[in-house]
Amino acid sequence: MGDAIPAQNYHLTIAFVGEVPAERLAELRDIGAGLRVPRCELKFDALEYWPKPEVVVAAARDVPASLAQVWSDLHATLAAREFLLRPKRLRPHVTLARKVLQAPVLEPIAPVAWEADQFCLVRSQSGSAHSVYTVVDTWPLLDTTEK
């Protein structure tokens, strides 16, 4: 079923800005440091096959309001500063396998709870086998938890 993603590479992307010149890195750090968002718990409750990127993902069908708000605020701020953004809508998921050329039979899964207590600015470098992710900066989410 394609190339399995190593567990250490599991992540939830809330904004993808692509390649950023080094001189704009401080700007991204300032944006991240300025966000004030409560913790939230996501429940990944479905396996899905997405044919265009050829991936299998664990998806969260319900989006906590705090995650939707941080996504909206972050995208508005990044767009105002002319960063190019993908994707254009929030679909919380964790990629489990890439290069899945045809739809596999996917069984129902028991929900997996994931509590988000921080967010990070991460640099992604594509390699021959798997991407390598390097954390550039990390910020805590507020102590209140939304479920």
C-alpha atoms as a PDB file:
ATOM      1  CA  MET A   1       0.000   0.000   0.000  1.00  0.00           C
ATOM      2  CA  GLY A   2       2.497   2.652  -1.054  1.00  0.00           C
ATOM      3  CA  ASP A   3       5.234   4.032   1.186  1.00  0.00           C
ATOM      4  CA  ALA A   4       4.326   4.023   4.886  1.00  0.00           C
ATOM      5  CA  ILE A   5       5.150   7.229   6.741  1.00  0.00           C
ATOM      6  CA  PRO A   6       7.366   6.687   9.814  1.00  0.00           C
ATOM      7  CA  ALA A   7       5.520   7.520  13.050  1.00  0.00           C
ATOM      8  CA  GLN A   8       8.093  10.202  13.946  1.00  0.00           C
ATOM      9  CA  ASN A   9       6.918  12.120  10.854  1.00  0.00           C
ATOM     10  CA  TYR A  10       3.228  12.196  11.840  1.00  0.00           C
ATOM     11  CA  HIS A  11       2.010  15.778  12.008  1.00  0.00           C
ATOM     12  CA  LEU A  12      -0.983  17.991  11.350  1.00  0.00           C
ATOM     13  CA  THR A  13      -0.316  20.886   8.986  1.00  0.00           C
ATOM     14  CA  ILE A  14      -2.411  24.004   9.586  1.00  0.00           C
ATOM     15  CA  ALA A  15      -0.608  26.214   7.054  1.00  0.00           C
ATOM     16  CA  PHE A  16       1.783  25.245   4.280  1.00  0.00           C
ATOM     17  CA  VAL A  17       3.747  28.151   2.830  1.00  0.00           C
ATOM     18  CA  GLY A  18       6.260  26.260   0.700  1.00  0.00           C
ATOM     19  CA  GLU A  19       9.779  27.579   0.182  1.00  0.00           C
ATOM     20  CA  VAL A  20      10.405  30.764   2.161  1.00  0.00           C
ATOM     21  CA  PRO A  21      13.503  32.943   1.727  1.00  0.00           C
ATOM     22  CA  ALA A  22      15.708  33.006   4.824  1.00  0.00           C
ATOM     23  CA  GLU A  23      15.124  36.728   5.261  1.00  0.00           C
ATOM     24  CA  ARG A  24      11.383  36.090   5.836  1.00  0.00           C
ATOM     25  CA  LEU A  25      11.891  33.439   8.526  1.00  0.00           C
ATOM     26  CA  ALA A  26      11.787  36.019  11.345  1.00  0.00           C
ATOM     27  CA  GLU A  27       8.439  37.214   9.996  1.00  0.00           C
ATOM     28  CA  LEU A  28       7.012  33.686  10.256  1.00  0.00           C
ATOM     29  CA  ARG A  29       8.374  33.391  13.799  1.00  0.00           C
ATOM     30  CA  ASP A  30       6.692  36.678  14.771  1.00  0.00           C
ATOM     31  CA  ILE A  31       3.373  35.496  13.345  1.00  0.00           C
ATOM     32  CA  GLY A  32       3.592  32.216  15.273  1.00  0.00           C
ATOM     33  CA  ALA A  33       4.549  33.934  18.514  1.00  0.00           C
ATOM     34  CA  GLY A  34       1.576  36.267  18.185  1.00  0.00           C
ATOM     35  CA  LEU A  35      -1.076  33.542  18.021  1.00  0.00           C
ATOM     36  CA  ARG A  36      -3.102  32.922  21.196  1.00  0.00           C
ATOM     37  CA  VAL A  37      -5.028  29.691  20.792  1.00  0.00           C
ATOM     38  CA  PRO A  38      -6.463  27.222  23.301  1.00  0.00           C
ATOM     39  CA  ARG A  39      -5.420  23.594  23.270  1.00  0.00           C
ATOM     40  CA  CYS A  40      -7.771  21.274  21.472  1.00  0.00           C
ATOM     41  CA  GLU A  41      -8.384  17.597  21.116  1.00  0.00           C
ATOM     42  CA  LEU A  42      -8.847  16.059  17.697  1.00  0.00           C
ATOM     43  CA  LYS A  43     -10.395  12.672  17.097  1.00  0.00           C
ATOM     44  CA  PHE A  44      -9.047  10.970  14.009  1.00  0.00           C
ATOM     45  CA  ASP A  45     -11.967   8.713  13.223  1.00  0.00           C
ATOM     46  CA  ALA A  46     -11.735   7.687   9.565  1.00  0.00           C
ATOM     47  CA  LEU A  47      -9.232   6.319   7.090  1.00  0.00           C
ATOM     48  CA  GLU A  48      -9.482   7.975   3.673  1.00  0.00           C
ATOM     49  CA  TYR A  49      -7.792   7.554   0.313  1.00  0.00           C
ATOM     50  CA  TRP A  50      -7.121  10.811  -1.534  1.00  0.00           C
ATOM     51  CA  PRO A  51      -6.451   9.943  -5.195  1.00  0.00           C
ATOM     52  CA  LYS A  52      -4.938  13.219  -6.420  1.00  0.00           C
ATOM     53  CA  PRO A  53      -2.037  13.294  -3.947  1.00  0.00           C
ATOM     54  CA  GLU A  54      -2.095   9.449  -3.841  1.00  0.00           C
ATOM     55  CA  VAL A  55      -2.173   9.242  -0.045  1.00  0.00           C
ATOM     56  CA  VAL A  56      -3.951   7.369   2.722  1.00  0.00           C
ATOM     57  CA  VAL A  57      -4.774   9.540   5.722  1.00  0.00           C
ATOM     58  CA  ALA A  58      -6.318   9.305   9.162  1.00  0.00           C
ATOM     59  CA  ALA A  59      -8.928  12.066   9.059  1.00  0.00           C
ATOM     60  CA  ALA A  60     -10.738  13.982  11.772  1.00  0.00           C
ATOM     61  CA  ARG A  61     -14.310  14.501  10.592  1.00  0.00           C
ATOM     62  CA  ASP A  62     -15.164  16.994  13.360  1.00  0.00           C
ATOM     63  CA  VAL A  63     -13.095  20.154  13.607  1.00  0.00           C
ATOM     64  CA  PRO A  64     -12.853  21.798  17.049  1.00  0.00           C
ATOM     65  CA  ALA A  65     -13.844  25.479  16.921  1.00  0.00           C
ATOM     66  CA  SER A  66     -10.446  26.551  18.307  1.00  0.00           C
ATOM     67  CA  LEU A  67      -8.610  24.740  15.501  1.00  0.00           C
ATOM     68  CA  ALA A  68     -10.901  26.306  12.892  1.00  0.00           C
ATOM     69  CA  GLN A  69     -10.263  29.722  14.453  1.00  0.00           C
ATOM     70  CA  VAL A  70      -6.462  29.387  14.518  1.00  0.00           C
ATOM     71  CA  TRP A  71      -6.522  28.136  10.922  1.00  0.00           C
ATOM     72  CA  SER A  72      -8.609  31.125   9.860  1.00  0.00           C
ATOM     73  CA  ASP A  73      -6.547  33.667  11.821  1.00  0.00           C
ATOM     74  CA  LEU A  74      -3.228  32.220  10.682  1.00  0.00           C
ATOM     75  CA  HIS A  75      -4.259  32.070   7.023  1.00  0.00           C
ATOM     76  CA  ALA A  76      -5.587  35.651   7.099  1.00  0.00           C
ATOM     77  CA  THR A  77      -2.345  36.926   8.641  1.00  0.00           C
ATOM     78  CA  LEU A  78      -0.130  34.975   6.250  1.00  0.00           C
ATOM     79  CA  ALA A  79      -2.167  36.065   3.210  1.00  0.00           C
ATOM     80  CA  ALA A  80      -2.035  39.715   4.337  1.00  0.00           C
ATOM     81  CA  ARG A  81       1.758  39.408   4.368  1.00  0.00           C
ATOM     82  CA  GLU A  82       1.687  37.835   0.896  1.00  0.00           C
ATOM     83  CA  PHE A  83       2.718  34.301   1.790  1.00  0.00           C
ATOM     84  CA  LEU A  84       1.366  31.740  -0.672  1.00  0.00           C
ATOM     85  CA  LEU A  85      -0.799  29.183   1.104  1.00  0.00           C
ATOM     86  CA  ARG A  86      -1.942  25.631   0.554  1.00  0.00           C
ATOM     87  CA  PRO A  87      -4.437  24.153   1.138  1.00  0.00           C
ATOM     88  CA  LYS A  88      -7.294  26.599   0.796  1.00  0.00           C
ATOM     89  CA  ARG A  89      -9.497  24.791   3.327  1.00  0.00           C
ATOM     90  CA  LEU A  90      -9.000  22.976   6.608  1.00  0.00           C
ATOM     91  CA  ARG A  91      -9.085  19.171   6.428  1.00  0.00           C
ATOM     92  CA  PRO A  92      -7.422  17.866   9.607  1.00  0.00           C
ATOM     93  CA  HIS A  93      -5.529  14.695   8.783  1.00  0.00           C
ATOM     94  CA  VAL A  94      -2.345  12.765   9.353  1.00  0.00           C
ATOM     95  CA  THR A  95      -0.758  11.192   6.276  1.00  0.00           C
ATOM     96  CA  LEU A  96      -0.084   7.493   6.855  1.00  0.00           C
ATOM     97  CA  ALA A  97       1.120   6.416   3.378  1.00  0.00           C
ATOM     98  CA  ARG A  98       2.237   8.142   0.168  1.00  0.00           C
ATOM     99  CA  LYS A  99       2.507   6.949  -3.436  1.00  0.00           C
ATOM    100  CA  VAL A 100      -0.650   4.826  -3.085  1.00  0.00           C
ATOM    101  CA  LEU A 101      -1.508   4.369  -6.746  1.00  0.00           C
ATOM    102  CA  GLN A 102      -4.946   2.811  -6.346  1.00  0.00           C
ATOM    103  CA  ALA A 103      -7.635   2.972  -3.713  1.00  0.00           C
ATOM    104  CA  PRO A 104      -7.124   0.320  -1.039  1.00  0.00           C
ATOM    105  CA  VAL A 105      -9.934  -1.293   0.916  1.00  0.00           C
ATOM    106  CA  LEU A 106     -10.080   0.773   4.094  1.00  0.00           C
ATOM    107  CA  GLU A 107     -11.701  -0.610   7.222  1.00  0.00           C
ATOM    108  CA  PRO A 108     -13.427   1.540   9.852  1.00  0.00           C
ATOM    109  CA  ILE A 109     -11.149   2.550  12.719  1.00  0.00           C
ATOM    110  CA  ALA A 110     -11.697   3.267  16.384  1.00  0.00           C
ATOM    111  CA  PRO A 111     -11.249   7.015  17.002  1.00  0.00           C
ATOM    112  CA  VAL A 112      -7.744   8.062  17.998  1.00  0.00           C
ATOM    113  CA  ALA A 113      -7.631  11.117  20.281  1.00  0.00           C
ATOM    114  CA  TRP A 114      -4.785  13.559  19.799  1.00  0.00           C
ATOM    115  CA  GLU A 115      -4.448  16.529  22.149  1.00  0.00           C
ATOM    116  CA  ALA A 116      -2.709  19.495  20.594  1.00  0.00           C
ATOM    117  CA  ASP A 117      -0.785  21.434  23.251  1.00  0.00           C
ATOM    118  CA  GLN A 118       1.723  23.238  21.024  1.00  0.00           C
ATOM    119  CA  PHE A 119       2.300  24.249  17.444  1.00  0.00           C
ATOM    120  CA  CYS A 120       5.509  24.528  15.505  1.00  0.00           C
ATOM    121  CA  LEU A 121       7.138  26.181  12.553  1.00  0.00           C
ATOM    122  CA  VAL A 122       8.673  23.288  10.651  1.00  0.00           C
ATOM    123  CA  ARG A 123      11.041  23.075   7.692  1.00  0.00           C
ATOM    124  CA  SER A 124      10.377  20.148   5.390  1.00  0.00           C
ATOM    125  CA  GLN A 125      13.094  18.713   3.165  1.00  0.00           C
ATOM    126  CA  SER A 126      12.072  16.091   0.633  1.00  0.00           C
ATOM    127  CA  GLY A 127      14.438  13.169   0.431  1.00  0.00           C
ATOM    128  CA  SER A 128      14.625  10.062  -1.668  1.00  0.00           C
ATOM    129  CA  ALA A 129      12.662   7.894   0.774  1.00  0.00           C
ATOM    130  CA  HIS A 130      10.888  10.251   3.176  1.00  0.00           C
ATOM    131  CA  SER A 131      10.729  13.922   3.996  1.00  0.00           C
ATOM    132  CA  VAL A 132      12.841  15.160   6.877  1.00  0.00           C
ATOM    133  CA  TYR A 133      11.155  17.618   9.230  1.00  0.00           C
ATOM    134  CA  THR A 134      13.164  20.107  11.289  1.00  0.00           C
ATOM    135  CA  VAL A 135      11.428  22.147  13.994  1.00  0.00           C
ATOM    136  CA  VAL A 136      12.427  25.806  13.625  1.00  0.00           C
ATOM    137  CA  ASP A 137      10.356  27.189  16.515  1.00  0.00           C
ATOM    138  CA  THR A 138       7.633  25.992  18.913  1.00  0.00           C
ATOM    139  CA  TRP A 139       4.898  27.827  20.810  1.00  0.00           C
ATOM    140  CA  PRO A 140       2.576  26.496  23.524  1.00  0.00           C
ATOM    141  CA  LEU A 141      -1.170  26.541  23.150  1.00  0.00           C
ATOM    142  CA  LEU A 142      -3.176  28.063  26.005  1.00  0.00           C
ATOM    143  CA  ASP A 143      -4.058  25.858  28.975  1.00  0.00           C
ATOM    144  CA  THR A 144      -7.795  25.725  28.285  1.00  0.00           C
ATOM    145  CA  THR A 145      -8.709  22.635  26.312  1.00  0.00           C
ATOM    146  CA  GLU A 146     -11.579  22.453  23.864  1.00  0.00           C
ATOM    147  CA  LYS A 147     -12.944  18.985  23.088  1.00  0.00           C
END
